[in-house]
N, C-alpha and C. Protein backbone atom coordinates (compact mmCIF):
# COMPACT_ATOMS: atom_id res chain seq x y z
N MET A 1 77.48 107.57 13.70
CA MET A 1 78.72 106.79 13.76
C MET A 1 78.68 105.57 13.00
N PHE A 2 78.26 105.67 11.96
CA PHE A 2 78.55 104.83 10.48
C PHE A 2 79.86 104.54 10.28
N HIS A 3 80.62 105.02 10.55
CA HIS A 3 81.55 105.03 9.44
C HIS A 3 82.41 104.20 10.39
N ILE A 4 82.23 103.43 11.38
CA ILE A 4 83.13 102.85 12.16
C ILE A 4 82.67 101.30 12.54
N PHE A 5 81.39 101.29 12.66
CA PHE A 5 80.33 100.02 11.86
C PHE A 5 81.50 99.13 10.75
N SER A 6 81.46 97.76 10.87
CA SER A 6 81.49 96.77 10.43
C SER A 6 80.57 96.57 9.43
N ASP A 7 81.18 95.98 8.14
CA ASP A 7 79.91 95.83 6.99
C ASP A 7 78.79 95.18 7.86
N ALA A 8 78.77 93.98 8.49
CA ALA A 8 77.10 93.45 8.98
C ALA A 8 76.76 94.20 9.70
N GLU A 9 76.97 95.55 10.72
CA GLU A 9 76.63 96.40 10.99
C GLU A 9 76.15 97.01 10.62
N ARG A 10 76.82 97.77 9.37
CA ARG A 10 76.54 98.90 8.43
C ARG A 10 74.53 98.59 7.92
N ASP A 11 75.09 97.22 7.24
CA ASP A 11 73.24 95.69 6.70
C ASP A 11 72.41 96.19 7.60
N ARG A 12 72.43 96.15 9.02
CA ARG A 12 71.01 95.83 9.88
C ARG A 12 70.81 96.58 10.47
N PHE A 13 72.26 98.35 10.22
CA PHE A 13 71.41 99.50 10.56
C PHE A 13 70.61 99.70 9.50
N VAL A 14 71.09 99.66 8.03
CA VAL A 14 69.91 100.68 7.15
C VAL A 14 68.70 99.63 7.15
N ALA A 15 68.62 98.35 7.54
CA ALA A 15 67.78 97.69 7.65
C ALA A 15 66.72 98.33 8.37
N GLY A 16 67.69 98.31 9.52
CA GLY A 16 66.52 98.83 10.69
C GLY A 16 66.10 100.65 10.51
N LEU A 17 66.75 101.55 9.94
CA LEU A 17 66.23 102.71 9.24
C LEU A 17 65.11 103.03 8.66
N ALA A 18 64.42 101.97 7.88
CA ALA A 18 63.35 101.64 7.43
C ALA A 18 62.21 101.79 8.46
N ASP A 19 62.41 101.20 10.08
CA ASP A 19 61.09 102.05 10.86
C ASP A 19 61.23 102.40 11.44
N VAL A 20 62.37 103.52 11.57
CA VAL A 20 62.12 105.17 11.95
C VAL A 20 62.45 106.27 11.38
N ILE A 21 62.36 106.10 9.99
CA ILE A 21 62.05 107.29 9.07
C ILE A 21 61.35 106.15 8.24
N PRO A 22 60.54 107.41 7.92
CA PRO A 22 59.50 107.81 7.34
C PRO A 22 59.64 107.91 6.02
N SER A 23 58.53 107.51 4.92
CA SER A 23 58.74 107.69 3.52
C SER A 23 58.78 109.06 3.71
N GLY A 24 59.25 109.98 2.77
CA GLY A 24 60.34 111.07 2.06
C GLY A 24 61.02 111.48 3.56
N GLY A 25 61.29 110.95 4.33
CA GLY A 25 62.42 111.41 5.60
C GLY A 25 63.56 111.31 5.17
N LEU A 26 64.71 112.05 5.65
CA LEU A 26 65.92 111.61 5.75
C LEU A 26 66.68 111.72 5.94
N TYR A 27 67.85 110.93 6.59
CA TYR A 27 68.46 110.65 7.48
C TYR A 27 70.16 110.59 6.54
N CYS A 28 70.69 111.84 7.17
CA CYS A 28 72.81 112.32 7.05
C CYS A 28 73.42 112.09 7.70
N VAL A 29 74.71 111.37 7.21
CA VAL A 29 75.75 110.51 8.13
C VAL A 29 76.93 111.41 7.70
N LEU A 30 77.70 111.70 8.69
CA LEU A 30 78.89 112.17 8.57
C LEU A 30 80.12 111.80 8.97
N GLY A 31 80.73 111.60 8.31
CA GLY A 31 81.67 110.58 8.55
C GLY A 31 82.71 110.40 7.81
N ASP A 32 84.03 109.47 9.02
CA ASP A 32 85.59 109.66 8.12
C ASP A 32 85.77 109.31 6.92
N ALA A 33 86.22 109.49 5.57
CA ALA A 33 86.14 109.26 4.61
C ALA A 33 87.26 107.92 4.45
N ARG A 34 86.72 106.75 3.68
CA ARG A 34 87.65 105.54 3.79
C ARG A 34 89.02 105.20 2.76
N ARG A 35 89.53 105.56 3.45
CA ARG A 35 90.77 106.01 2.65
C ARG A 35 91.61 104.53 1.73
N ASP A 36 91.25 103.26 2.24
CA ASP A 36 91.87 102.38 1.45
C ASP A 36 90.11 101.02 1.45
N GLU A 37 89.93 101.09 0.26
CA GLU A 37 88.23 100.01 -0.65
C GLU A 37 88.75 98.73 0.28
N ARG A 38 89.68 98.13 0.48
CA ARG A 38 89.74 97.08 1.56
C ARG A 38 89.51 96.91 2.60
N SER A 39 89.55 98.58 3.72
CA SER A 39 89.30 98.96 4.69
C SER A 39 87.71 98.76 5.20
N ALA A 40 87.53 98.41 6.45
CA ALA A 40 85.95 98.71 7.13
C ALA A 40 85.73 99.96 7.52
N TYR A 41 86.73 100.33 7.86
CA TYR A 41 86.73 102.15 8.57
C TYR A 41 86.31 102.55 7.56
N GLY A 42 85.35 103.92 7.99
CA GLY A 42 85.30 104.67 6.75
C GLY A 42 83.64 104.94 5.91
N ILE A 43 83.87 105.69 5.50
CA ILE A 43 82.54 105.81 4.33
C ILE A 43 83.30 106.16 3.03
N SER A 44 82.56 106.39 2.07
CA SER A 44 82.18 106.90 0.19
C SER A 44 81.02 106.90 -0.04
N PRO A 45 80.97 108.07 -0.60
CA PRO A 45 79.10 107.39 -1.23
C PRO A 45 79.20 106.62 -1.90
N ARG A 46 80.02 106.11 -2.89
CA ARG A 46 79.86 104.96 -3.64
C ARG A 46 79.58 103.76 -2.84
N GLU A 47 80.17 103.46 -1.59
CA GLU A 47 79.39 102.53 -0.72
C GLU A 47 77.96 102.56 -0.38
N LEU A 48 78.03 103.86 -0.19
CA LEU A 48 76.24 104.03 0.46
C LEU A 48 75.65 103.78 -0.59
N ARG A 49 75.89 104.35 -1.92
CA ARG A 49 75.03 103.74 -2.80
C ARG A 49 75.13 102.72 -2.88
N GLN A 50 75.48 101.75 -3.17
CA GLN A 50 75.28 100.30 -3.28
C GLN A 50 74.44 99.89 -2.17
N ARG A 51 74.70 100.17 -0.64
CA ARG A 51 74.23 99.61 0.10
C ARG A 51 72.94 100.23 0.51
N PHE A 52 73.02 101.00 0.37
CA PHE A 52 71.13 101.54 0.66
C PHE A 52 70.81 101.41 -0.49
N GLY A 53 71.15 100.81 -1.82
CA GLY A 53 70.27 100.32 -3.09
C GLY A 53 70.12 98.64 -2.75
N ARG A 54 70.74 98.36 -2.26
CA ARG A 54 71.08 96.87 -2.10
C ARG A 54 69.41 97.11 -1.52
N ALA A 55 69.24 98.00 -0.39
CA ALA A 55 68.10 97.74 1.05
C ALA A 55 66.63 98.14 -0.09
N GLY A 56 66.96 98.58 -1.07
CA GLY A 56 65.81 99.07 -1.76
C GLY A 56 64.92 100.44 -1.12
N GLY A 57 64.89 101.26 -2.25
CA GLY A 57 63.27 101.86 -0.80
C GLY A 57 64.49 103.48 -0.79
N TRP A 58 65.79 103.52 -1.35
CA TRP A 58 66.54 104.69 -0.76
C TRP A 58 66.99 105.82 -1.95
N GLU A 59 66.94 106.65 -1.74
CA GLU A 59 68.36 107.29 -3.02
C GLU A 59 68.88 108.23 -2.05
N ILE A 60 70.19 108.54 -2.58
CA ILE A 60 71.22 109.66 -2.67
C ILE A 60 70.71 110.37 -2.52
N ILE A 61 70.40 111.90 -2.16
CA ILE A 61 70.32 112.84 -2.68
C ILE A 61 71.55 114.04 -2.84
N PHE A 62 72.39 113.96 -1.68
CA PHE A 62 73.49 114.65 -1.75
C PHE A 62 74.31 113.93 -1.16
N ALA A 63 76.00 114.56 -1.83
CA ALA A 63 76.82 114.26 -1.50
C ALA A 63 77.78 114.48 -1.18
N PHE A 64 78.82 115.48 0.11
CA PHE A 64 79.39 116.69 -0.26
C PHE A 64 80.92 115.92 0.68
N GLU A 65 82.12 116.10 -0.25
CA GLU A 65 83.67 115.89 1.07
C GLU A 65 83.48 117.15 1.54
N THR A 66 83.88 116.63 2.80
CA THR A 66 84.25 117.75 3.70
C THR A 66 84.96 117.80 4.67
N ILE A 67 85.21 118.58 5.83
CA ILE A 67 86.43 117.33 7.11
C ILE A 67 85.54 117.41 7.91
N PHE A 68 85.89 116.19 8.43
CA PHE A 68 85.60 115.55 10.27
C PHE A 68 86.50 116.62 10.88
N GLU A 69 85.87 117.50 11.92
CA GLU A 69 86.94 117.87 12.46
C GLU A 69 86.60 117.90 14.18
N ARG A 70 87.50 117.63 14.76
CA ARG A 70 87.33 116.94 16.31
C ARG A 70 88.40 117.52 17.05
N GLN A 71 88.34 118.03 18.50
CA GLN A 71 89.56 118.65 19.19
C GLN A 71 90.99 118.09 18.78
N TRP A 72 91.17 117.30 18.36
CA TRP A 72 92.97 117.46 18.21
C TRP A 72 93.28 116.59 16.79
N SER A 73 92.46 116.43 16.16
CA SER A 73 92.80 116.25 15.11
C SER A 73 91.62 116.62 13.16
N ARG A 74 91.68 116.76 12.48
CA ARG A 74 90.71 116.96 11.51
C ARG A 74 91.18 115.86 10.13
N ASN A 75 90.15 115.09 10.03
CA ASN A 75 90.61 114.29 8.69
C ASN A 75 89.41 114.60 8.13
N PRO A 76 89.53 114.25 6.27
CA PRO A 76 88.62 114.46 5.24
C PRO A 76 87.41 112.99 5.57
N ALA A 77 86.23 113.66 5.25
CA ALA A 77 85.07 113.23 5.20
C ALA A 77 84.04 113.33 4.16
N PHE A 78 83.20 113.25 4.64
CA PHE A 78 81.80 112.66 3.86
C PHE A 78 80.43 113.46 4.56
N PHE A 79 79.84 114.33 4.42
CA PHE A 79 78.88 113.91 4.36
C PHE A 79 77.29 113.62 3.34
N VAL A 80 76.73 113.02 4.01
CA VAL A 80 75.60 112.24 2.34
C VAL A 80 74.12 112.46 3.63
N GLY A 81 73.47 112.45 2.17
CA GLY A 81 72.15 112.54 2.44
C GLY A 81 71.45 111.65 1.84
N VAL A 82 70.61 111.09 2.74
CA VAL A 82 69.71 109.07 2.09
C VAL A 82 68.52 109.44 2.52
N ARG A 83 67.37 110.00 1.22
CA ARG A 83 66.09 109.95 1.85
C ARG A 83 65.53 108.79 1.52
N ARG A 84 64.72 108.59 2.18
CA ARG A 84 63.77 107.18 1.65
C ARG A 84 62.10 107.30 0.62
N ARG A 85 62.16 106.82 -0.09
CA ARG A 85 61.29 107.31 -1.21
C ARG A 85 59.98 106.29 0.04
């Protein structure tokens, strides 16, 4: 549910991942695509590269455009894999 967090919550989440993802481990995120760069809702591969890059010790290994399907809706989304070094 990374895509619904605020900016401060996203930073805390990324910082905490290092406590639970071992070196070489993979974190995958599926989230609604950010439609407006001024909005806090949604994700983009660019934002994830920047946020995990600032945290250090992570690399984006894939980022795919996809669809997030729910029972009554479907939205553009991204599926992104981030590996801990």
